[in-house]
Amino acid sequence: MGARIRAAREHANLTQEAVANGASTDRPSVVRIEAGQQSPTSDTLFRIARVIGVSVAEFFR
């Protein structure tokens, strides 16, 4: 899932910092989520999807 989040973020031309700020989390958390080292809570996952502009389902395809 982390790789899909990263791909969606990069496709949207957003930085990890921008996603973190918009999702009310910190950049190190986004880094760990994208690297697969941390599982996001469902709330964080929905906030990240909203910031990137995609459905949460995109992260599971």
PDB file of N, CA and C in Angstrom:
ATOM      1  N   MET A   1       0.823  -1.188   0.000  1.00  0.00           N
ATOM      2  CA  MET A   1       0.000   0.000   0.000  1.00  0.00           C
ATOM      3  C   MET A   1       0.870   1.256   0.000  1.00  0.00           C
ATOM      4  N   GLY A   2       1.979   1.231   0.698  1.00  0.00           N
ATOM      5  CA  GLY A   2       2.848   2.399   0.766  1.00  0.00           C
ATOM      6  C   GLY A   2       3.317   2.864  -0.596  1.00  0.00           C
ATOM      7  N   ALA A   3       3.671   1.903  -1.452  1.00  0.00           N
ATOM      8  CA  ALA A   3       4.138   2.256  -2.800  1.00  0.00           C
ATOM      9  C   ALA A   3       3.020   2.906  -3.604  1.00  0.00           C
ATOM     10  N   ARG A   4       1.794   2.471  -3.389  1.00  0.00           N
ATOM     11  CA  ARG A   4       0.660   3.064  -4.109  1.00  0.00           C
ATOM     12  C   ARG A   4       0.387   4.488  -3.623  1.00  0.00           C
ATOM     13  N   ILE A   5       0.536   4.679  -2.320  1.00  0.00           N
ATOM     14  CA  ILE A   5       0.360   6.029  -1.773  1.00  0.00           C
ATOM     15  C   ILE A   5       1.421   6.955  -2.359  1.00  0.00           C
ATOM     16  N   ARG A   6       2.657   6.472  -2.380  1.00  0.00           N
ATOM     17  CA  ARG A   6       3.743   7.290  -2.930  1.00  0.00           C
ATOM     18  C   ARG A   6       3.501   7.609  -4.405  1.00  0.00           C
ATOM     19  N   ALA A   7       3.093   6.609  -5.186  1.00  0.00           N
ATOM     20  CA  ALA A   7       2.841   6.823  -6.611  1.00  0.00           C
ATOM     21  C   ALA A   7       1.730   7.851  -6.813  1.00  0.00           C
ATOM     22  N   ALA A   8       0.666   7.751  -6.017  1.00  0.00           N
ATOM     23  CA  ALA A   8      -0.444   8.703  -6.136  1.00  0.00           C
ATOM     24  C   ALA A   8       0.015  10.103  -5.745  1.00  0.00           C
ATOM     25  N   ARG A   9       0.817  10.195  -4.696  1.00  0.00           N
ATOM     26  CA  ARG A   9       1.337  11.499  -4.261  1.00  0.00           C
ATOM     27  C   ARG A   9       2.212  12.118  -5.346  1.00  0.00           C
ATOM     28  N   GLU A  10       3.105  11.320  -5.906  1.00  0.00           N
ATOM     29  CA  GLU A  10       3.989  11.830  -6.955  1.00  0.00           C
ATOM     30  C   GLU A  10       3.200  12.216  -8.206  1.00  0.00           C
ATOM     31  N   HIS A  11       2.176  11.433  -8.539  1.00  0.00           N
ATOM     32  CA  HIS A  11       1.329  11.753  -9.693  1.00  0.00           C
ATOM     33  C   HIS A  11       0.617  13.087  -9.492  1.00  0.00           C
ATOM     34  N   ALA A  12       0.283  13.375  -8.238  1.00  0.00           N
ATOM     35  CA  ALA A  12      -0.386  14.640  -7.917  1.00  0.00           C
ATOM     36  C   ALA A  12       0.613  15.785  -7.731  1.00  0.00           C
ATOM     37  N   ASN A  13       1.904  15.487  -7.931  1.00  0.00           N
ATOM     38  CA  ASN A  13       2.964  16.497  -7.774  1.00  0.00           C
ATOM     39  C   ASN A  13       2.966  17.136  -6.392  1.00  0.00           C
ATOM     40  N   LEU A  14       2.788  16.301  -5.370  1.00  0.00           N
ATOM     41  CA  LEU A  14       2.804  16.780  -3.991  1.00  0.00           C
ATOM     42  C   LEU A  14       4.044  16.259  -3.279  1.00  0.00           C
ATOM     43  N   THR A  15       4.564  17.051  -2.371  1.00  0.00           N
ATOM     44  CA  THR A  15       5.685  16.607  -1.547  1.00  0.00           C
ATOM     45  C   THR A  15       5.151  15.851  -0.335  1.00  0.00           C
ATOM     46  N   GLN A  16       6.022  15.106   0.302  1.00  0.00           N
ATOM     47  CA  GLN A  16       5.635  14.423   1.535  1.00  0.00           C
ATOM     48  C   GLN A  16       5.222  15.450   2.584  1.00  0.00           C
ATOM     49  N   GLU A  17       5.916  16.563   2.618  1.00  0.00           N
ATOM     50  CA  GLU A  17       5.600  17.628   3.578  1.00  0.00           C
ATOM     51  C   GLU A  17       4.199  18.183   3.333  1.00  0.00           C
ATOM     52  N   ALA A  18       3.840  18.403   2.072  1.00  0.00           N
ATOM     53  CA  ALA A  18       2.512  18.930   1.744  1.00  0.00           C
ATOM     54  C   ALA A  18       1.421  17.948   2.154  1.00  0.00           C
ATOM     55  N   VAL A  19       1.656  16.670   1.901  1.00  0.00           N
ATOM     56  CA  VAL A  19       0.677  15.653   2.295  1.00  0.00           C
ATOM     57  C   VAL A  19       0.569  15.596   3.812  1.00  0.00           C
ATOM     58  N   ALA A  20       1.696  15.621   4.486  1.00  0.00           N
ATOM     59  CA  ALA A  20       1.692  15.578   5.951  1.00  0.00           C
ATOM     60  C   ALA A  20       0.913  16.759   6.524  1.00  0.00           C
ATOM     61  N   ASN A  21       1.196  17.944   6.026  1.00  0.00           N
ATOM     62  CA  ASN A  21       0.500  19.137   6.524  1.00  0.00           C
ATOM     63  C   ASN A  21      -0.999  19.056   6.271  1.00  0.00           C
ATOM     64  N   GLY A  22      -1.386  18.649   5.079  1.00  0.00           N
ATOM     65  CA  GLY A  22      -2.800  18.558   4.743  1.00  0.00           C
ATOM     66  C   GLY A  22      -3.531  17.461   5.489  1.00  0.00           C
ATOM     67  N   ALA A  23      -2.801  16.421   5.868  1.00  0.00           N
ATOM     68  CA  ALA A  23      -3.408  15.284   6.560  1.00  0.00           C
ATOM     69  C   ALA A  23      -3.247  15.373   8.076  1.00  0.00           C
ATOM     70  N   SER A  24      -2.753  16.496   8.554  1.00  0.00           N
ATOM     71  CA  SER A  24      -2.560  16.718   9.993  1.00  0.00           C
ATOM     72  C   SER A  24      -1.680  15.652  10.640  1.00  0.00           C
ATOM     73  N   THR A  25      -0.584  15.343   9.979  1.00  0.00           N
ATOM     74  CA  THR A  25       0.396  14.414  10.529  1.00  0.00           C
ATOM     75  C   THR A  25       1.775  15.006  10.263  1.00  0.00           C
ATOM     76  N   ASP A  26       2.827  14.251  10.534  1.00  0.00           N
ATOM     77  CA  ASP A  26       4.163  14.781  10.288  1.00  0.00           C
ATOM     78  C   ASP A  26       4.833  14.048   9.132  1.00  0.00           C
ATOM     79  N   ARG A  27       5.840  14.694   8.552  1.00  0.00           N
ATOM     80  CA  ARG A  27       6.534  14.126   7.393  1.00  0.00           C
ATOM     81  C   ARG A  27       7.159  12.772   7.703  1.00  0.00           C
ATOM     82  N   PRO A  28       7.817  12.580   8.862  1.00  0.00           N
ATOM     83  CA  PRO A  28       8.383  11.254   9.146  1.00  0.00           C
ATOM     84  C   PRO A  28       7.337  10.132   9.114  1.00  0.00           C
ATOM     85  N   SER A  29       6.122  10.430   9.524  1.00  0.00           N
ATOM     86  CA  SER A  29       5.059   9.417   9.455  1.00  0.00           C
ATOM     87  C   SER A  29       4.729   9.077   8.010  1.00  0.00           C
ATOM     88  N   VAL A  30       4.650  10.093   7.158  1.00  0.00           N
ATOM     89  CA  VAL A  30       4.377   9.856   5.737  1.00  0.00           C
ATOM     90  C   VAL A  30       5.505   9.030   5.126  1.00  0.00           C
ATOM     91  N   VAL A  31       6.742   9.354   5.477  1.00  0.00           N
ATOM     92  CA  VAL A  31       7.895   8.596   4.978  1.00  0.00           C
ATOM     93  C   VAL A  31       7.774   7.127   5.380  1.00  0.00           C
ATOM     94  N   ARG A  32       7.453   6.869   6.645  1.00  0.00           N
ATOM     95  CA  ARG A  32       7.334   5.480   7.129  1.00  0.00           C
ATOM     96  C   ARG A  32       6.154   4.756   6.485  1.00  0.00           C
ATOM     97  N   ILE A  33       5.055   5.455   6.283  1.00  0.00           N
ATOM     98  CA  ILE A  33       3.886   4.852   5.631  1.00  0.00           C
ATOM     99  C   ILE A  33       4.234   4.460   4.201  1.00  0.00           C
ATOM    100  N   GLU A  34       4.861   5.371   3.470  1.00  0.00           N
ATOM    101  CA  GLU A  34       5.229   5.077   2.084  1.00  0.00           C
ATOM    102  C   GLU A  34       6.256   3.950   1.990  1.00  0.00           C
ATOM    103  N   ALA A  35       7.116   3.841   2.987  1.00  0.00           N
ATOM    104  CA  ALA A  35       8.149   2.797   2.991  1.00  0.00           C
ATOM    105  C   ALA A  35       7.612   1.463   3.498  1.00  0.00           C
ATOM    106  N   GLY A  36       6.363   1.446   3.958  1.00  0.00           N
ATOM    107  CA  GLY A  36       5.785   0.215   4.478  1.00  0.00           C
ATOM    108  C   GLY A  36       6.252  -0.125   5.878  1.00  0.00           C
ATOM    109  N   GLN A  37       6.829   0.841   6.571  1.00  0.00           N
ATOM    110  CA  GLN A  37       7.335   0.621   7.922  1.00  0.00           C
ATOM    111  C   GLN A  37       6.310   0.971   8.988  1.00  0.00           C
ATOM    112  N   GLN A  38       5.233   1.609   8.585  1.00  0.00           N
ATOM    113  CA  GLN A  38       4.185   2.017   9.513  1.00  0.00           C
ATOM    114  C   GLN A  38       2.846   1.867   8.814  1.00  0.00           C
ATOM    115  N   SER A  39       1.882   1.312   9.515  1.00  0.00           N
ATOM    116  CA  SER A  39       0.526   1.207   8.974  1.00  0.00           C
ATOM    117  C   SER A  39      -0.267   2.428   9.426  1.00  0.00           C
ATOM    118  N   PRO A  40      -0.873   3.137   8.493  1.00  0.00           N
ATOM    119  CA  PRO A  40      -1.657   4.307   8.891  1.00  0.00           C
ATOM    120  C   PRO A  40      -2.971   3.887   9.530  1.00  0.00           C
ATOM    121  N   THR A  41      -3.462   4.714  10.425  1.00  0.00           N
ATOM    122  CA  THR A  41      -4.805   4.484  10.945  1.00  0.00           C
ATOM    123  C   THR A  41      -5.779   4.747   9.801  1.00  0.00           C
ATOM    124  N   SER A  42      -6.986   4.264   9.941  1.00  0.00           N
ATOM    125  CA  SER A  42      -7.970   4.494   8.878  1.00  0.00           C
ATOM    126  C   SER A  42      -8.225   5.990   8.716  1.00  0.00           C
ATOM    127  N   ASP A  43      -8.226   6.720   9.809  1.00  0.00           N
ATOM    128  CA  ASP A  43      -8.442   8.162   9.746  1.00  0.00           C
ATOM    129  C   ASP A  43      -7.322   8.845   8.960  1.00  0.00           C
ATOM    130  N   THR A  44      -6.079   8.482   9.253  1.00  0.00           N
ATOM    131  CA  THR A  44      -4.941   9.058   8.535  1.00  0.00           C
ATOM    132  C   THR A  44      -4.995   8.691   7.062  1.00  0.00           C
ATOM    133  N   LEU A  45      -5.356   7.459   6.768  1.00  0.00           N
ATOM    134  CA  LEU A  45      -5.438   7.009   5.382  1.00  0.00           C
ATOM    135  C   LEU A  45      -6.472   7.829   4.605  1.00  0.00           C
ATOM    136  N   PHE A  46      -7.621   8.073   5.209  1.00  0.00           N
ATOM    137  CA  PHE A  46      -8.653   8.879   4.549  1.00  0.00           C
ATOM    138  C   PHE A  46      -8.188  10.322   4.358  1.00  0.00           C
ATOM    139  N   ARG A  47      -7.479  10.868   5.352  1.00  0.00           N
ATOM    140  CA  ARG A  47      -6.978  12.243   5.221  1.00  0.00           C
ATOM    141  C   ARG A  47      -5.929  12.338   4.119  1.00  0.00           C
ATOM    142  N   ILE A  48      -5.029  11.346   4.043  1.00  0.00           N
ATOM    143  CA  ILE A  48      -4.014  11.337   2.983  1.00  0.00           C
ATOM    144  C   ILE A  48      -4.688  11.270   1.614  1.00  0.00           C
ATOM    145  N   ALA A  49      -5.673  10.398   1.481  1.00  0.00           N
ATOM    146  CA  ALA A  49      -6.386  10.267   0.205  1.00  0.00           C
ATOM    147  C   ALA A  49      -7.055  11.584  -0.178  1.00  0.00           C
ATOM    148  N   ARG A  50      -7.653  12.251   0.798  1.00  0.00           N
ATOM    149  CA  ARG A  50      -8.323  13.531   0.527  1.00  0.00           C
ATOM    150  C   ARG A  50      -7.321  14.569   0.033  1.00  0.00           C
ATOM    151  N   VAL A  51      -6.171  14.646   0.688  1.00  0.00           N
ATOM    152  CA  VAL A  51      -5.149  15.621   0.294  1.00  0.00           C
ATOM    153  C   VAL A  51      -4.644  15.335  -1.117  1.00  0.00           C
ATOM    154  N   ILE A  52      -4.419  14.057  -1.414  1.00  0.00           N
ATOM    155  CA  ILE A  52      -3.901  13.685  -2.731  1.00  0.00           C
ATOM    156  C   ILE A  52      -4.979  13.829  -3.803  1.00  0.00           C
ATOM    157  N   GLY A  53      -6.240  13.684  -3.403  1.00  0.00           N
ATOM    158  CA  GLY A  53      -7.341  13.825  -4.352  1.00  0.00           C
ATOM    159  C   GLY A  53      -7.757  12.522  -4.995  1.00  0.00           C
ATOM    160  N   VAL A  54      -7.610  11.425  -4.247  1.00  0.00           N
ATOM    161  CA  VAL A  54      -8.004  10.113  -4.753  1.00  0.00           C
ATOM    162  C   VAL A  54      -8.884   9.411  -3.727  1.00  0.00           C
ATOM    163  N   SER A  55      -9.500   8.333  -4.162  1.00  0.00           N
ATOM    164  CA  SER A  55     -10.270   7.482  -3.262  1.00  0.00           C
ATOM    165  C   SER A  55      -9.312   6.566  -2.509  1.00  0.00           C
ATOM    166  N   VAL A  56      -9.651   6.225  -1.293  1.00  0.00           N
ATOM    167  CA  VAL A  56      -8.840   5.277  -0.519  1.00  0.00           C
ATOM    168  C   VAL A  56      -8.701   3.963  -1.282  1.00  0.00           C
ATOM    169  N   ALA A  57      -9.702   3.612  -2.065  1.00  0.00           N
ATOM    170  CA  ALA A  57      -9.658   2.367  -2.843  1.00  0.00           C
ATOM    171  C   ALA A  57      -8.450   2.327  -3.774  1.00  0.00           C
ATOM    172  N   GLU A  58      -7.980   3.481  -4.228  1.00  0.00           N
ATOM    173  CA  GLU A  58      -6.807   3.537  -5.111  1.00  0.00           C
ATOM    174  C   GLU A  58      -5.574   2.935  -4.447  1.00  0.00           C
ATOM    175  N   PHE A  59      -5.507   3.010  -3.140  1.00  0.00           N
ATOM    176  CA  PHE A  59      -4.342   2.499  -2.418  1.00  0.00           C
ATOM    177  C   PHE A  59      -4.344   0.977  -2.304  1.00  0.00           C
ATOM    178  N   PHE A  60      -5.464   0.352  -2.638  1.00  0.00           N
ATOM    179  CA  PHE A  60      -5.590  -1.100  -2.499  1.00  0.00           C
ATOM    180  C   PHE A  60      -5.676  -1.822  -3.837  1.00  0.00           C
ATOM    181  N   ARG A  61      -5.535  -1.115  -4.942  1.00  0.00           N
ATOM    182  CA  ARG A  61      -5.636  -1.741  -6.269  1.00  0.00           C
ATOM    183  C   ARG A  61      -4.341  -2.358  -6.686  1.00  0.00           C
TER     184      ARG A  61
END
